[in-house]
Amino acid sequence: MKKFLLTLAVMWLGCVQAEQHPLFKGADVHLGEKLIAENKCNECHIRRVGGDGSSIYKPTGRINTAGALRGMVEYCNTELNLGFFPEDTNAVAAFLNLKHYKFR
C-alpha cells in the first residue's frame, strides 16, 4: 500500500510540474504552500485588500506574466525581509501560479 501511495504521489507531482509555466520548472510547490502559511502571507493580503485576501490575486491585473508573478513574490520578500532564497521565491510563485494564475 505504501508503494502504491508513493507511486501516486510521484505521478501527481509529475502532472503538477507538467502544468506549470517553464519559469517554474522544478519548483517545489509544496514548499511554496508551506512558506505562504509560515509567513502569514494571507493575513497581510487581508489587511491590504480586505475580505479573505484572495482578491489580491487578479490574473487580469498587473500580474499578467509568470515573470511578473515571480517579481511580485520577490518584492514581498524584500519589503517584508522574509529571507527567501531564490528557490523559495520560485516555490511560492509556482504555488500561486497553480492556485490562482495558471500561466502556461
N, C-alpha and C. Protein backbone atom coordinates (compact mmCIF):
# COMPACT_ATOMS: atom_id res chain seq x y z
N MET A 1 0.82 -1.20 0.00
CA MET A 1 0.00 0.00 0.00
C MET A 1 0.87 1.26 0.00
N LYS A 2 1.96 1.24 0.80
CA LYS A 2 2.86 2.40 0.84
C LYS A 2 3.46 2.66 -0.53
N LYS A 3 3.84 1.57 -1.21
CA LYS A 3 4.43 1.72 -2.53
C LYS A 3 3.44 2.34 -3.51
N PHE A 4 2.20 1.90 -3.42
CA PHE A 4 1.14 2.43 -4.28
C PHE A 4 0.94 3.91 -4.04
N LEU A 5 0.87 4.33 -2.78
CA LEU A 5 0.68 5.74 -2.45
C LEU A 5 1.87 6.58 -2.89
N LEU A 6 3.05 6.04 -2.74
CA LEU A 6 4.25 6.76 -3.18
C LEU A 6 4.22 6.92 -4.70
N THR A 7 3.83 5.88 -5.40
CA THR A 7 3.72 5.96 -6.87
C THR A 7 2.71 7.01 -7.27
N LEU A 8 1.56 7.03 -6.61
CA LEU A 8 0.54 8.05 -6.90
C LEU A 8 1.07 9.46 -6.64
N ALA A 9 1.79 9.63 -5.55
CA ALA A 9 2.33 10.95 -5.22
C ALA A 9 3.33 11.41 -6.28
N VAL A 10 4.19 10.52 -6.72
CA VAL A 10 5.17 10.85 -7.75
C VAL A 10 4.47 11.19 -9.06
N MET A 11 3.45 10.44 -9.41
CA MET A 11 2.69 10.71 -10.64
C MET A 11 2.00 12.07 -10.55
N TRP A 12 1.40 12.38 -9.39
CA TRP A 12 0.72 13.66 -9.21
C TRP A 12 1.70 14.81 -9.33
N LEU A 13 2.85 14.68 -8.70
CA LEU A 13 3.86 15.73 -8.77
C LEU A 13 4.30 15.94 -10.21
N GLY A 14 4.46 14.87 -10.96
CA GLY A 14 4.82 14.98 -12.37
C GLY A 14 3.76 15.73 -13.15
N CYS A 15 2.50 15.47 -12.87
CA CYS A 15 1.40 16.18 -13.54
C CYS A 15 1.40 17.66 -13.18
N VAL A 16 1.62 17.94 -11.91
CA VAL A 16 1.66 19.33 -11.45
C VAL A 16 2.76 20.08 -12.18
N GLN A 17 3.94 19.48 -12.24
CA GLN A 17 5.06 20.14 -12.91
C GLN A 17 4.80 20.32 -14.40
N ALA A 18 4.11 19.36 -15.02
CA ALA A 18 3.82 19.45 -16.45
C ALA A 18 2.88 20.61 -16.75
N GLU A 19 2.03 20.96 -15.80
CA GLU A 19 1.08 22.05 -15.99
C GLU A 19 1.69 23.42 -15.74
N GLN A 20 2.86 23.47 -15.20
CA GLN A 20 3.48 24.73 -14.81
C GLN A 20 4.12 25.45 -16.00
N HIS A 21 4.24 26.75 -15.85
CA HIS A 21 5.00 27.57 -16.79
C HIS A 21 6.47 27.14 -16.71
N PRO A 22 7.19 27.17 -17.82
CA PRO A 22 8.61 26.76 -17.78
C PRO A 22 9.45 27.52 -16.76
N LEU A 23 9.08 28.75 -16.43
CA LEU A 23 9.82 29.53 -15.44
C LEU A 23 9.84 28.83 -14.08
N PHE A 24 8.81 28.03 -13.82
CA PHE A 24 8.69 27.36 -12.52
C PHE A 24 9.07 25.89 -12.57
N LYS A 25 9.71 25.48 -13.65
CA LYS A 25 10.10 24.07 -13.79
C LYS A 25 10.98 23.66 -12.62
N GLY A 26 10.62 22.57 -12.00
CA GLY A 26 11.39 22.04 -10.88
C GLY A 26 11.11 22.71 -9.55
N ALA A 27 10.23 23.70 -9.52
CA ALA A 27 9.93 24.39 -8.26
C ALA A 27 9.16 23.46 -7.32
N ASP A 28 9.41 23.60 -6.06
CA ASP A 28 8.76 22.78 -5.03
C ASP A 28 7.47 23.48 -4.58
N VAL A 29 6.36 23.11 -5.20
CA VAL A 29 5.09 23.79 -4.90
C VAL A 29 4.63 23.54 -3.46
N HIS A 30 4.99 22.39 -2.92
CA HIS A 30 4.63 22.10 -1.53
C HIS A 30 5.38 23.03 -0.58
N LEU A 31 6.64 23.29 -0.89
CA LEU A 31 7.41 24.25 -0.10
C LEU A 31 6.79 25.64 -0.22
N GLY A 32 6.37 26.01 -1.43
CA GLY A 32 5.73 27.31 -1.62
C GLY A 32 4.50 27.47 -0.76
N GLU A 33 3.66 26.46 -0.73
CA GLU A 33 2.45 26.49 0.11
C GLU A 33 2.81 26.62 1.58
N LYS A 34 3.84 25.88 2.00
CA LYS A 34 4.29 25.92 3.40
C LYS A 34 4.83 27.32 3.76
N LEU A 35 5.62 27.90 2.86
CA LEU A 35 6.19 29.23 3.12
C LEU A 35 5.10 30.30 3.21
N ILE A 36 4.07 30.18 2.38
CA ILE A 36 2.94 31.12 2.44
C ILE A 36 2.28 31.05 3.81
N ALA A 37 2.06 29.83 4.30
CA ALA A 37 1.43 29.66 5.61
C ALA A 37 2.34 30.16 6.73
N GLU A 38 3.60 29.77 6.70
CA GLU A 38 4.55 30.14 7.76
C GLU A 38 4.74 31.66 7.86
N ASN A 39 4.72 32.34 6.73
CA ASN A 39 4.97 33.78 6.72
C ASN A 39 3.69 34.61 6.77
N LYS A 40 2.57 33.93 6.95
CA LYS A 40 1.28 34.59 7.13
C LYS A 40 0.96 35.57 5.99
N CYS A 41 1.26 35.14 4.77
CA CYS A 41 1.02 35.98 3.59
C CYS A 41 -0.45 36.38 3.48
N ASN A 42 -1.34 35.44 3.74
CA ASN A 42 -2.77 35.74 3.61
C ASN A 42 -3.22 36.82 4.60
N GLU A 43 -2.65 36.83 5.79
CA GLU A 43 -3.01 37.87 6.76
C GLU A 43 -2.63 39.25 6.24
N CYS A 44 -1.48 39.36 5.61
CA CYS A 44 -1.05 40.64 5.03
C CYS A 44 -1.99 41.02 3.89
N HIS A 45 -2.35 40.05 3.06
CA HIS A 45 -3.25 40.33 1.94
C HIS A 45 -4.62 40.77 2.44
N ILE A 46 -5.11 40.19 3.51
CA ILE A 46 -6.39 40.60 4.10
C ILE A 46 -6.30 42.05 4.57
N ARG A 47 -5.19 42.42 5.21
CA ARG A 47 -5.02 43.80 5.66
C ARG A 47 -5.00 44.76 4.48
N ARG A 48 -4.43 44.33 3.37
CA ARG A 48 -4.30 45.21 2.19
C ARG A 48 -5.58 45.34 1.38
N VAL A 49 -6.29 44.22 1.19
CA VAL A 49 -7.45 44.26 0.27
C VAL A 49 -8.77 43.89 0.93
N GLY A 50 -8.73 43.43 2.18
CA GLY A 50 -9.96 43.07 2.87
C GLY A 50 -10.47 41.70 2.48
N GLY A 51 -11.65 41.39 2.98
CA GLY A 51 -12.27 40.09 2.70
C GLY A 51 -11.36 38.96 3.16
N ASP A 52 -11.29 37.93 2.33
CA ASP A 52 -10.41 36.80 2.65
C ASP A 52 -9.01 36.97 2.07
N GLY A 53 -8.76 38.12 1.45
CA GLY A 53 -7.44 38.42 0.88
C GLY A 53 -7.22 37.89 -0.52
N SER A 54 -8.11 37.05 -1.00
CA SER A 54 -7.89 36.42 -2.30
C SER A 54 -8.06 37.37 -3.48
N SER A 55 -8.71 38.51 -3.26
CA SER A 55 -8.89 39.44 -4.38
C SER A 55 -7.55 40.07 -4.82
N ILE A 56 -6.51 39.86 -4.02
CA ILE A 56 -5.19 40.36 -4.41
C ILE A 56 -4.65 39.58 -5.62
N TYR A 57 -5.17 38.36 -5.79
CA TYR A 57 -4.75 37.52 -6.91
C TYR A 57 -5.68 37.75 -8.09
N LYS A 58 -5.35 38.72 -8.90
CA LYS A 58 -6.17 39.05 -10.06
C LYS A 58 -5.38 38.74 -11.33
N PRO A 59 -5.66 37.60 -11.94
CA PRO A 59 -4.89 37.22 -13.14
C PRO A 59 -4.92 38.26 -14.25
N THR A 60 -5.97 39.07 -14.34
CA THR A 60 -6.02 40.08 -15.40
C THR A 60 -5.52 41.43 -14.91
N GLY A 61 -5.00 41.49 -13.71
CA GLY A 61 -4.49 42.74 -13.16
C GLY A 61 -3.07 43.00 -13.61
N ARG A 62 -2.29 43.60 -12.75
CA ARG A 62 -0.93 43.97 -13.12
C ARG A 62 0.02 42.78 -13.19
N ILE A 63 -0.38 41.67 -12.62
CA ILE A 63 0.42 40.44 -12.72
C ILE A 63 -0.11 39.67 -13.92
N ASN A 64 0.51 39.90 -15.08
CA ASN A 64 -0.01 39.28 -16.30
C ASN A 64 1.00 38.37 -17.00
N THR A 65 2.11 38.09 -16.33
CA THR A 65 3.08 37.12 -16.85
C THR A 65 3.65 36.34 -15.66
N ALA A 66 4.23 35.20 -15.98
CA ALA A 66 4.89 34.39 -14.94
C ALA A 66 6.05 35.17 -14.32
N GLY A 67 6.77 35.92 -15.13
CA GLY A 67 7.89 36.72 -14.62
C GLY A 67 7.43 37.80 -13.66
N ALA A 68 6.30 38.43 -13.98
CA ALA A 68 5.75 39.46 -13.10
C ALA A 68 5.30 38.85 -11.78
N LEU A 69 4.76 37.65 -11.84
CA LEU A 69 4.35 36.96 -10.61
C LEU A 69 5.56 36.69 -9.72
N ARG A 70 6.60 36.14 -10.31
CA ARG A 70 7.81 35.87 -9.52
C ARG A 70 8.40 37.17 -8.99
N GLY A 71 8.37 38.22 -9.80
CA GLY A 71 8.86 39.52 -9.36
C GLY A 71 8.08 40.07 -8.18
N MET A 72 6.76 39.87 -8.17
CA MET A 72 5.94 40.35 -7.05
C MET A 72 6.26 39.57 -5.78
N VAL A 73 6.49 38.28 -5.90
CA VAL A 73 6.87 37.49 -4.73
C VAL A 73 8.22 37.98 -4.20
N GLU A 74 9.13 38.28 -5.10
CA GLU A 74 10.44 38.80 -4.67
C GLU A 74 10.28 40.17 -4.02
N TYR A 75 9.37 41.00 -4.54
CA TYR A 75 9.09 42.30 -3.94
C TYR A 75 8.63 42.12 -2.49
N CYS A 76 7.68 41.22 -2.27
CA CYS A 76 7.21 40.95 -0.91
C CYS A 76 8.35 40.45 -0.03
N ASN A 77 9.16 39.55 -0.58
CA ASN A 77 10.31 39.02 0.15
C ASN A 77 11.23 40.15 0.61
N THR A 78 11.51 41.08 -0.29
CA THR A 78 12.42 42.19 0.02
C THR A 78 11.78 43.17 0.99
N GLU A 79 10.56 43.60 0.70
CA GLU A 79 9.88 44.59 1.53
C GLU A 79 9.63 44.11 2.96
N LEU A 80 9.32 42.83 3.09
CA LEU A 80 8.99 42.28 4.41
C LEU A 80 10.17 41.56 5.06
N ASN A 81 11.32 41.58 4.37
CA ASN A 81 12.53 40.96 4.89
C ASN A 81 12.28 39.51 5.31
N LEU A 82 11.68 38.73 4.38
CA LEU A 82 11.33 37.35 4.67
C LEU A 82 12.52 36.40 4.64
N GLY A 83 13.57 36.77 3.94
CA GLY A 83 14.76 35.93 3.90
C GLY A 83 14.66 34.75 2.96
N PHE A 84 13.79 34.86 1.95
CA PHE A 84 13.67 33.78 0.97
C PHE A 84 14.93 33.69 0.12
N PHE A 85 15.35 32.47 -0.14
CA PHE A 85 16.36 32.20 -1.15
C PHE A 85 15.66 32.20 -2.50
N PRO A 86 16.40 32.31 -3.60
CA PRO A 86 15.75 32.31 -4.93
C PRO A 86 14.84 31.11 -5.16
N GLU A 87 15.24 29.93 -4.67
CA GLU A 87 14.39 28.75 -4.86
C GLU A 87 13.11 28.84 -4.03
N ASP A 88 13.15 29.56 -2.90
CA ASP A 88 11.94 29.78 -2.10
C ASP A 88 10.98 30.69 -2.84
N THR A 89 11.52 31.77 -3.39
CA THR A 89 10.70 32.70 -4.17
C THR A 89 10.04 31.97 -5.33
N ASN A 90 10.81 31.15 -6.01
CA ASN A 90 10.27 30.40 -7.14
C ASN A 90 9.20 29.41 -6.69
N ALA A 91 9.40 28.79 -5.53
CA ALA A 91 8.42 27.83 -5.00
C ALA A 91 7.10 28.52 -4.67
N VAL A 92 7.17 29.69 -4.03
CA VAL A 92 5.96 30.44 -3.69
C VAL A 92 5.25 30.87 -4.97
N ALA A 93 6.00 31.40 -5.92
CA ALA A 93 5.40 31.84 -7.18
C ALA A 93 4.78 30.65 -7.92
N ALA A 94 5.43 29.51 -7.91
CA ALA A 94 4.90 28.32 -8.58
C ALA A 94 3.59 27.88 -7.94
N PHE A 95 3.53 27.91 -6.61
CA PHE A 95 2.28 27.54 -5.93
C PHE A 95 1.16 28.52 -6.28
N LEU A 96 1.47 29.81 -6.24
CA LEU A 96 0.46 30.81 -6.59
C LEU A 96 0.02 30.67 -8.04
N ASN A 97 0.95 30.32 -8.91
CA ASN A 97 0.60 30.11 -10.30
C ASN A 97 -0.38 28.95 -10.45
N LEU A 98 -0.12 27.86 -9.75
CA LEU A 98 -1.02 26.71 -9.82
C LEU A 98 -2.40 27.03 -9.27
N LYS A 99 -2.42 27.76 -8.17
CA LYS A 99 -3.70 28.01 -7.49
C LYS A 99 -4.49 29.15 -8.09
N HIS A 100 -3.83 30.21 -8.57
CA HIS A 100 -4.55 31.40 -8.97
C HIS A 100 -4.35 31.83 -10.42
N TYR A 101 -3.12 31.80 -10.90
CA TYR A 101 -2.82 32.48 -12.17
C TYR A 101 -2.88 31.58 -13.40
N LYS A 102 -2.38 30.39 -13.28
CA LYS A 102 -2.45 29.40 -14.37
C LYS A 102 -1.66 29.80 -15.63
N PHE A 103 -0.53 30.47 -15.47
CA PHE A 103 0.33 30.78 -16.61
C PHE A 103 0.94 29.47 -17.11
N ARG A 104 0.95 29.28 -18.41
CA ARG A 104 1.49 28.03 -19.01
C ARG A 104 2.73 28.33 -19.80
